[in-house]
Amino acid sequence: MNCKMKCWKIGVLVVLGVAALGWVVMALWNWLLPNLFAGVGEIDYVQAMGVLLLSKILFGGFRGHCGGHSKWHQQRWEKMTPEEREKFQTGMRGCCGSSKPEEGAAKE
């Protein structure tokens, strides 16, 4: 139950963060661009979210799971001892996965 609540909280925070970022894009666009460039009008919130999505597609921002940290994680994993890896996997299973031990591990 605790993990599900934690996941919901993270999901809500992500949605709120994206919504806030869309508002920031809209506010900056409406503040800067109409004054800097003739003929550029103001945009609404939905258009700002579209600009945000377009910038994600074109520039690959918002570093996610496949961002620059994957090599760092791989190097860190390789430096772990088998005991440290098992402890890490057990902790992750308890937080975000099944709380039951894997059947394959029990048969070995």
C-alpha atoms as a PDB file:
ATOM      1  CA  MET A   1       0.000   0.000   0.000  1.00  0.00           C
ATOM      2  CA  ASN A   2       2.789   2.396   0.871  1.00  0.00           C
ATOM      3  CA  CYS A   3       4.465   1.906  -2.516  1.00  0.00           C
ATOM      4  CA  LYS A   4       1.221   2.549  -4.394  1.00  0.00           C
ATOM      5  CA  MET A   5       0.729   5.780  -2.462  1.00  0.00           C
ATOM      6  CA  LYS A   6       4.302   6.809  -3.213  1.00  0.00           C
ATOM      7  CA  CYS A   7       3.827   6.092  -6.931  1.00  0.00           C
ATOM      8  CA  TRP A   8       0.591   8.117  -6.986  1.00  0.00           C
ATOM      9  CA  LYS A   9       2.321  11.047  -5.292  1.00  0.00           C
ATOM     10  CA  ILE A  10       5.149  10.945  -7.825  1.00  0.00           C
ATOM     11  CA  GLY A  11       2.629  10.790 -10.683  1.00  0.00           C
ATOM     12  CA  VAL A  12       0.717  13.788  -9.338  1.00  0.00           C
ATOM     13  CA  LEU A  13       3.950  15.743  -8.925  1.00  0.00           C
ATOM     14  CA  VAL A  14       4.985  14.944 -12.509  1.00  0.00           C
ATOM     15  CA  VAL A  15       1.607  16.105 -13.859  1.00  0.00           C
ATOM     16  CA  LEU A  16       1.762  19.296 -11.790  1.00  0.00           C
ATOM     17  CA  GLY A  17       5.345  19.903 -12.920  1.00  0.00           C
ATOM     18  CA  VAL A  18       4.445  19.552 -16.600  1.00  0.00           C
ATOM     19  CA  ALA A  19       1.421  21.821 -16.122  1.00  0.00           C
ATOM     20  CA  ALA A  20       3.564  24.447 -14.388  1.00  0.00           C
ATOM     21  CA  LEU A  21       6.198  24.202 -17.112  1.00  0.00           C
ATOM     22  CA  GLY A  22       3.507  24.778 -19.741  1.00  0.00           C
ATOM     23  CA  TRP A  23       2.354  27.874 -17.890  1.00  0.00           C
ATOM     24  CA  VAL A  24       5.955  29.163 -17.699  1.00  0.00           C
ATOM     25  CA  VAL A  25       6.392  28.650 -21.468  1.00  0.00           C
ATOM     26  CA  MET A  26       3.147  30.527 -22.120  1.00  0.00           C
ATOM     27  CA  ALA A  27       4.073  33.394 -19.801  1.00  0.00           C
ATOM     28  CA  LEU A  28       7.578  33.785 -21.245  1.00  0.00           C
ATOM     29  CA  TRP A  29       6.330  33.595 -24.827  1.00  0.00           C
ATOM     30  CA  ASN A  30       3.626  36.208 -24.222  1.00  0.00           C
ATOM     31  CA  TRP A  31       6.045  38.464 -22.366  1.00  0.00           C
ATOM     32  CA  LEU A  32       9.013  38.279 -24.756  1.00  0.00           C
ATOM     33  CA  LEU A  33       8.143  37.334 -28.313  1.00  0.00           C
ATOM     34  CA  PRO A  34       5.390  39.834 -29.209  1.00  0.00           C
ATOM     35  CA  ASN A  35       7.700  42.660 -28.101  1.00  0.00           C
ATOM     36  CA  LEU A  36      10.805  41.279 -29.830  1.00  0.00           C
ATOM     37  CA  PHE A  37       9.351  40.240 -33.182  1.00  0.00           C
ATOM     38  CA  ALA A  38       6.696  42.062 -35.155  1.00  0.00           C
ATOM     39  CA  GLY A  39       3.763  39.874 -36.142  1.00  0.00           C
ATOM     40  CA  VAL A  40       4.220  37.293 -33.384  1.00  0.00           C
ATOM     41  CA  GLY A  41       1.043  37.073 -31.329  1.00  0.00           C
ATOM     42  CA  GLU A  42       0.339  35.770 -27.874  1.00  0.00           C
ATOM     43  CA  ILE A  43      -0.416  32.086 -27.309  1.00  0.00           C
ATOM     44  CA  ASP A  44      -2.811  30.285 -24.991  1.00  0.00           C
ATOM     45  CA  TYR A  45      -2.045  27.438 -22.580  1.00  0.00           C
ATOM     46  CA  VAL A  46      -2.732  24.605 -25.044  1.00  0.00           C
ATOM     47  CA  GLN A  47      -0.458  26.203 -27.627  1.00  0.00           C
ATOM     48  CA  ALA A  48       2.237  26.592 -24.961  1.00  0.00           C
ATOM     49  CA  MET A  49       1.998  22.864 -24.220  1.00  0.00           C
ATOM     50  CA  GLY A  50       2.406  22.249 -27.953  1.00  0.00           C
ATOM     51  CA  VAL A  51       5.530  24.434 -28.023  1.00  0.00           C
ATOM     52  CA  LEU A  52       6.854  22.499 -25.039  1.00  0.00           C
ATOM     53  CA  LEU A  53       6.222  19.166 -26.791  1.00  0.00           C
ATOM     54  CA  LEU A  54       7.779  20.449 -30.001  1.00  0.00           C
ATOM     55  CA  SER A  55      10.902  21.553 -28.141  1.00  0.00           C
ATOM     56  CA  LYS A  56      11.102  18.092 -26.539  1.00  0.00           C
ATOM     57  CA  ILE A  57      10.923  16.449 -29.950  1.00  0.00           C
ATOM     58  CA  LEU A  58      13.410  18.809 -31.624  1.00  0.00           C
ATOM     59  CA  PHE A  59      15.955  19.257 -28.866  1.00  0.00           C
ATOM     60  CA  GLY A  60      15.519  16.127 -26.733  1.00  0.00           C
ATOM     61  CA  GLY A  61      15.260  17.973 -23.450  1.00  0.00           C
ATOM     62  CA  PHE A  62      13.799  16.799 -20.122  1.00  0.00           C
ATOM     63  CA  ARG A  63      16.415  14.127 -19.511  1.00  0.00           C
ATOM     64  CA  GLY A  64      14.615  10.888 -18.794  1.00  0.00           C
ATOM     65  CA  HIS A  65      15.560   7.260 -18.392  1.00  0.00           C
ATOM     66  CA  CYS A  66      17.575   7.234 -21.588  1.00  0.00           C
ATOM     67  CA  GLY A  67      19.357  10.490 -20.851  1.00  0.00           C
ATOM     68  CA  GLY A  68      22.961  11.124 -19.943  1.00  0.00           C
ATOM     69  CA  HIS A  69      22.794   9.257 -16.639  1.00  0.00           C
ATOM     70  CA  SER A  70      22.515   5.742 -18.120  1.00  0.00           C
ATOM     71  CA  LYS A  71      26.296   5.329 -18.490  1.00  0.00           C
ATOM     72  CA  TRP A  72      26.788   6.545 -14.932  1.00  0.00           C
ATOM     73  CA  HIS A  73      24.267   3.996 -13.654  1.00  0.00           C
ATOM     74  CA  GLN A  74      25.904   1.219 -15.670  1.00  0.00           C
ATOM     75  CA  GLN A  75      29.357   2.083 -14.293  1.00  0.00           C
ATOM     76  CA  ARG A  76      28.010   2.199 -10.760  1.00  0.00           C
ATOM     77  CA  TRP A  77      26.302  -1.190 -11.188  1.00  0.00           C
ATOM     78  CA  GLU A  78      29.526  -2.743 -12.494  1.00  0.00           C
ATOM     79  CA  LYS A  79      31.441  -1.492  -9.448  1.00  0.00           C
ATOM     80  CA  MET A  80      28.992  -3.139  -7.012  1.00  0.00           C
ATOM     81  CA  THR A  81      29.813  -6.431  -5.363  1.00  0.00           C
ATOM     82  CA  PRO A  82      27.303  -9.299  -5.794  1.00  0.00           C
ATOM     83  CA  GLU A  83      26.125  -8.697  -2.216  1.00  0.00           C
ATOM     84  CA  GLU A  84      25.535  -4.986  -2.899  1.00  0.00           C
ATOM     85  CA  ARG A  85      23.633  -5.829  -6.091  1.00  0.00           C
ATOM     86  CA  GLU A  86      21.387  -8.282  -4.236  1.00  0.00           C
ATOM     87  CA  LYS A  87      20.725  -5.748  -1.479  1.00  0.00           C
ATOM     88  CA  PHE A  88      19.856  -3.111  -4.088  1.00  0.00           C
ATOM     89  CA  GLN A  89      17.522  -5.455  -5.978  1.00  0.00           C
ATOM     90  CA  THR A  90      15.800  -6.518  -2.765  1.00  0.00           C
ATOM     91  CA  GLY A  91      15.236  -2.880  -1.814  1.00  0.00           C
ATOM     92  CA  MET A  92      13.826  -2.041  -5.241  1.00  0.00           C
ATOM     93  CA  ARG A  93      11.493  -5.051  -5.169  1.00  0.00           C
ATOM     94  CA  GLY A  94      10.156  -3.955  -1.789  1.00  0.00           C
ATOM     95  CA  CYS A  95       9.551  -0.376  -2.910  1.00  0.00           C
ATOM     96  CA  CYS A  96       8.444  -0.520  -6.522  1.00  0.00           C
ATOM     97  CA  GLY A  97       7.957  -4.144  -7.440  1.00  0.00           C
ATOM     98  CA  SER A  98       6.602  -7.297  -5.964  1.00  0.00           C
ATOM     99  CA  SER A  99       7.236  -7.725  -2.252  1.00  0.00           C
ATOM    100  CA  LYS A 100       7.443 -11.499  -2.776  1.00  0.00           C
ATOM    101  CA  PRO A 101      10.822 -13.062  -3.590  1.00  0.00           C
ATOM    102  CA  GLU A 102      11.186 -14.243  -7.174  1.00  0.00           C
ATOM    103  CA  GLU A 103      10.338 -17.897  -7.728  1.00  0.00           C
ATOM    104  CA  GLY A 104      13.493 -18.465  -9.789  1.00  0.00           C
ATOM    105  CA  ALA A 105      15.698 -17.305  -6.928  1.00  0.00           C
ATOM    106  CA  ALA A 106      13.943 -19.637  -4.462  1.00  0.00           C
ATOM    107  CA  LYS A 107      14.542 -22.711  -6.652  1.00  0.00           C
ATOM    108  CA  GLU A 108      18.296 -22.171  -6.918  1.00  0.00           C
END
